[in-house]
Amino acid sequence: MFFFLRLVCFFVLSTSLAWADEVESLDEVEIYIEDGVLYSNVQTFQQESYILKVIGSGSPMTVVWQFDVDQVRDYWLDKQVVSVRLGRQVIPDLVTQRWLMRDLSAGVVRHTTDAREAMQFLSSISQVAVLDVSVLNLENEYVLNTRFFLYEGEVEDDSWLPLFNNSGEDIGSVLLSLGLEADHE
């Protein structure tokens, strides 16, 4: 009987660990280079249900996407080349059943009546210009690290940047293969 119980526990634990590995891999980070500029598309699936719950209940939510390009070094810490932060915010109005979607970096404001569209506005970002590749040395190796900062509440001014300095969820790292891109141009 004890052997059977151990076998069942092993099966349950191994299945749950495999599922945990799948959950970790749900975030997507894509990069591409076009006209000498490095662009990125990012989607985080892990936070969608939480974001939908918060904005559906009437609470504002702010997210910050951080893109860091680091030079990979063998014997020292990686050297940061550039860091780009972009903020987005959704402010619900439950009386009119509309959600105000504000891009904190560009100042663009839109409205929607679909909570899922507002959630997608916070949980994904596309065609982000990260840097001009001409500032990178093709002889070095670089990596793009992407982080996601989530804040429940409304932020009024440019003070939103310091709020997200030390905490955040690592979405992913992508090795930049600039040597291959340079050969194709």
Protein backbone atom coordinates (compact mmCIF):
# COMPACT_ATOMS: atom_id res chain seq x y z
CA MET A 1 0.00 0.00 0.00
CA PHE A 2 2.84 2.38 0.87
CA PHE A 3 4.44 1.70 -2.55
CA PHE A 4 1.16 2.50 -4.31
CA LEU A 5 0.82 5.78 -2.38
CA ARG A 6 4.40 6.79 -3.29
CA LEU A 7 3.71 5.96 -6.94
CA VAL A 8 0.57 8.13 -6.98
CA CYS A 9 2.41 11.02 -5.26
CA PHE A 10 5.27 10.76 -7.76
CA PHE A 11 2.83 10.87 -10.69
CA VAL A 12 0.96 13.89 -9.27
CA LEU A 13 4.18 15.80 -8.52
CA SER A 14 5.75 15.07 -11.88
CA THR A 15 2.57 16.14 -13.69
CA SER A 16 2.34 19.39 -11.69
CA LEU A 17 6.04 20.14 -12.26
CA ALA A 18 5.62 19.63 -16.00
CA TRP A 19 2.63 21.98 -15.94
CA ALA A 20 4.69 24.57 -14.02
CA ASP A 21 7.35 24.42 -16.74
CA GLU A 22 4.65 25.06 -19.36
CA VAL A 23 3.32 28.07 -17.42
CA GLU A 24 6.81 29.58 -17.25
CA SER A 25 7.14 29.37 -21.04
CA LEU A 26 3.86 31.17 -21.83
CA ASP A 27 5.47 34.60 -22.19
CA GLU A 28 6.70 35.51 -25.66
CA VAL A 29 9.45 37.92 -26.67
CA GLU A 30 10.12 38.43 -30.37
CA ILE A 31 12.70 40.71 -31.95
CA TYR A 32 13.39 41.83 -35.47
CA ILE A 33 15.60 44.38 -37.16
CA GLU A 34 14.13 46.66 -39.79
CA ASP A 35 15.85 49.67 -41.38
CA GLY A 36 18.65 49.50 -38.81
CA VAL A 37 16.34 49.61 -35.78
CA LEU A 38 15.80 46.77 -33.29
CA TYR A 39 12.09 46.24 -32.63
CA SER A 40 10.41 43.97 -30.09
CA ASN A 41 6.99 42.40 -29.63
CA VAL A 42 6.12 41.04 -26.17
CA GLN A 43 3.12 39.17 -24.77
CA THR A 44 2.67 38.04 -21.16
CA PHE A 45 -0.06 35.47 -20.77
CA GLN A 46 0.54 34.83 -17.06
CA GLN A 47 -1.01 38.10 -15.87
CA GLU A 48 -4.07 38.28 -18.16
CA SER A 49 -6.66 36.86 -15.75
CA TYR A 50 -5.39 39.01 -12.87
CA ILE A 51 -5.46 42.18 -15.00
CA LEU A 52 -8.96 41.38 -16.27
CA LYS A 53 -10.18 40.82 -12.70
CA VAL A 54 -8.71 44.11 -11.44
CA ILE A 55 -9.92 46.37 -14.25
CA GLY A 56 -13.27 44.55 -14.35
CA SER A 57 -13.81 45.38 -10.69
CA GLY A 58 -13.22 49.09 -11.34
CA SER A 59 -9.63 49.54 -10.16
CA PRO A 60 -7.09 51.34 -12.35
CA MET A 61 -3.96 49.46 -13.35
CA THR A 62 -0.56 50.65 -14.56
CA VAL A 63 2.15 48.55 -16.23
CA VAL A 64 5.68 49.38 -17.26
CA TRP A 65 7.60 47.44 -19.89
CA GLN A 66 11.38 47.62 -19.54
CA PHE A 67 13.78 46.65 -22.33
CA ASP A 68 17.48 46.40 -21.47
CA VAL A 69 20.14 45.66 -24.06
CA ASP A 70 23.31 44.39 -22.40
CA GLN A 71 26.69 43.53 -23.86
CA VAL A 72 27.54 39.97 -22.82
CA ARG A 73 30.96 39.78 -21.16
CA ASP A 74 32.83 36.67 -20.05
CA TYR A 75 34.71 37.79 -16.95
CA TRP A 76 32.71 40.83 -15.81
CA LEU A 77 29.08 41.66 -15.29
CA ASP A 78 27.21 42.36 -18.50
CA LYS A 79 27.48 46.00 -19.56
CA GLN A 80 24.20 47.82 -20.07
CA VAL A 81 24.00 49.55 -23.44
CA VAL A 82 20.45 50.91 -23.32
CA SER A 83 17.38 50.76 -21.11
CA VAL A 84 13.95 51.71 -22.43
CA ARG A 85 10.83 51.98 -20.26
CA LEU A 86 7.32 52.34 -21.60
CA GLY A 87 4.28 52.82 -19.37
CA ARG A 88 0.63 52.05 -19.98
CA GLN A 89 -2.43 52.59 -17.85
CA VAL A 90 -6.09 51.56 -17.88
CA ILE A 91 -8.65 53.53 -15.89
CA PRO A 92 -12.12 51.95 -15.72
CA ASP A 93 -15.40 53.86 -15.58
CA LEU A 94 -18.00 51.36 -14.41
CA VAL A 95 -20.89 53.82 -14.83
CA THR A 96 -20.39 54.13 -18.61
CA GLN A 97 -18.78 50.65 -18.95
CA ARG A 98 -15.76 52.17 -20.70
CA TRP A 99 -12.06 51.82 -20.09
CA LEU A 100 -9.67 54.69 -20.72
CA MET A 101 -6.38 53.35 -22.14
CA ARG A 102 -3.47 55.75 -21.73
CA ASP A 103 0.05 55.36 -23.09
CA LEU A 104 2.13 57.11 -20.42
CA SER A 105 5.20 57.37 -22.66
CA ALA A 106 3.53 58.95 -25.67
CA GLY A 107 0.47 60.55 -24.05
CA VAL A 108 -1.97 58.86 -26.45
CA VAL A 109 -5.41 58.18 -24.96
CA ARG A 110 -8.12 55.87 -26.30
CA HIS A 111 -11.38 54.48 -24.96
CA THR A 112 -12.92 51.04 -25.32
CA THR A 113 -16.08 49.29 -24.19
CA ASP A 114 -14.37 45.88 -24.22
CA ALA A 115 -12.55 44.86 -21.01
CA ARG A 116 -10.55 42.23 -22.95
CA GLU A 117 -9.20 44.90 -25.30
CA ALA A 118 -8.13 46.96 -22.27
CA MET A 119 -6.46 43.87 -20.78
CA GLN A 120 -4.60 43.21 -24.06
CA PHE A 121 -3.46 46.84 -24.05
CA LEU A 122 -1.72 46.18 -20.72
CA SER A 123 -0.48 42.61 -21.27
CA SER A 124 1.07 42.96 -24.73
CA ILE A 125 3.14 45.48 -26.58
CA SER A 126 4.25 45.41 -30.20
CA GLN A 127 6.56 47.22 -32.59
CA VAL A 128 8.59 48.82 -29.81
CA ALA A 129 11.68 50.56 -31.18
CA VAL A 130 14.36 49.55 -28.67
CA LEU A 131 17.52 50.96 -30.23
CA ASP A 132 19.40 51.88 -33.38
CA VAL A 133 21.68 48.93 -34.16
CA SER A 134 24.42 51.23 -35.41
CA VAL A 135 25.37 51.92 -31.77
CA LEU A 136 26.27 48.24 -31.31
CA ASN A 137 29.61 46.69 -32.20
CA LEU A 138 29.09 43.63 -34.43
CA GLU A 139 32.07 41.89 -32.82
CA ASN A 140 30.34 41.74 -29.42
CA GLU A 141 27.44 39.60 -28.22
CA TYR A 142 24.32 41.33 -26.90
CA VAL A 143 21.18 40.19 -25.11
CA LEU A 144 17.76 41.86 -24.81
CA ASN A 145 16.22 41.42 -21.35
CA THR A 146 12.54 42.25 -20.98
CA ARG A 147 10.78 42.95 -17.68
CA PHE A 148 7.16 43.62 -16.82
CA PHE A 149 6.11 45.77 -13.84
CA LEU A 150 2.51 45.69 -12.66
CA TYR A 151 0.97 48.29 -10.34
CA GLU A 152 -2.63 48.36 -9.18
CA GLY A 153 -3.71 51.98 -9.01
CA GLU A 154 -3.62 55.24 -10.91
CA VAL A 155 -0.43 57.22 -11.49
CA GLU A 156 -0.91 60.89 -12.23
CA ASP A 157 2.41 62.24 -13.49
CA ASP A 158 5.95 61.28 -14.51
CA SER A 159 6.64 59.91 -11.03
CA TRP A 160 5.63 56.44 -12.28
CA LEU A 161 9.19 55.55 -13.29
CA PRO A 162 10.74 55.34 -9.79
CA LEU A 163 7.91 53.10 -8.56
CA PHE A 164 9.15 50.22 -10.65
CA ASN A 165 12.91 50.29 -10.06
CA ASN A 166 13.58 47.04 -8.22
CA SER A 167 10.61 44.73 -8.65
CA GLY A 168 9.22 43.16 -11.74
CA GLU A 169 8.64 39.96 -13.61
CA ASP A 170 11.30 38.79 -16.04
CA ILE A 171 9.51 38.07 -19.28
CA GLY A 172 12.48 36.78 -21.20
CA SER A 173 15.93 37.22 -22.63
CA VAL A 174 16.75 37.06 -26.31
CA LEU A 175 20.28 36.80 -27.67
CA LEU A 176 20.83 39.36 -30.43
CA SER A 177 22.50 37.77 -33.44
CA LEU A 178 23.64 40.95 -35.15
CA GLY A 179 26.41 39.24 -37.11
CA LEU A 180 23.86 37.23 -39.06
CA GLU A 181 21.71 40.29 -39.71
CA ALA A 182 24.69 42.23 -41.00
CA ASP A 183 25.53 39.45 -43.48
CA HIS A 184 22.05 39.62 -45.03
CA GLU A 185 21.98 43.36 -45.60
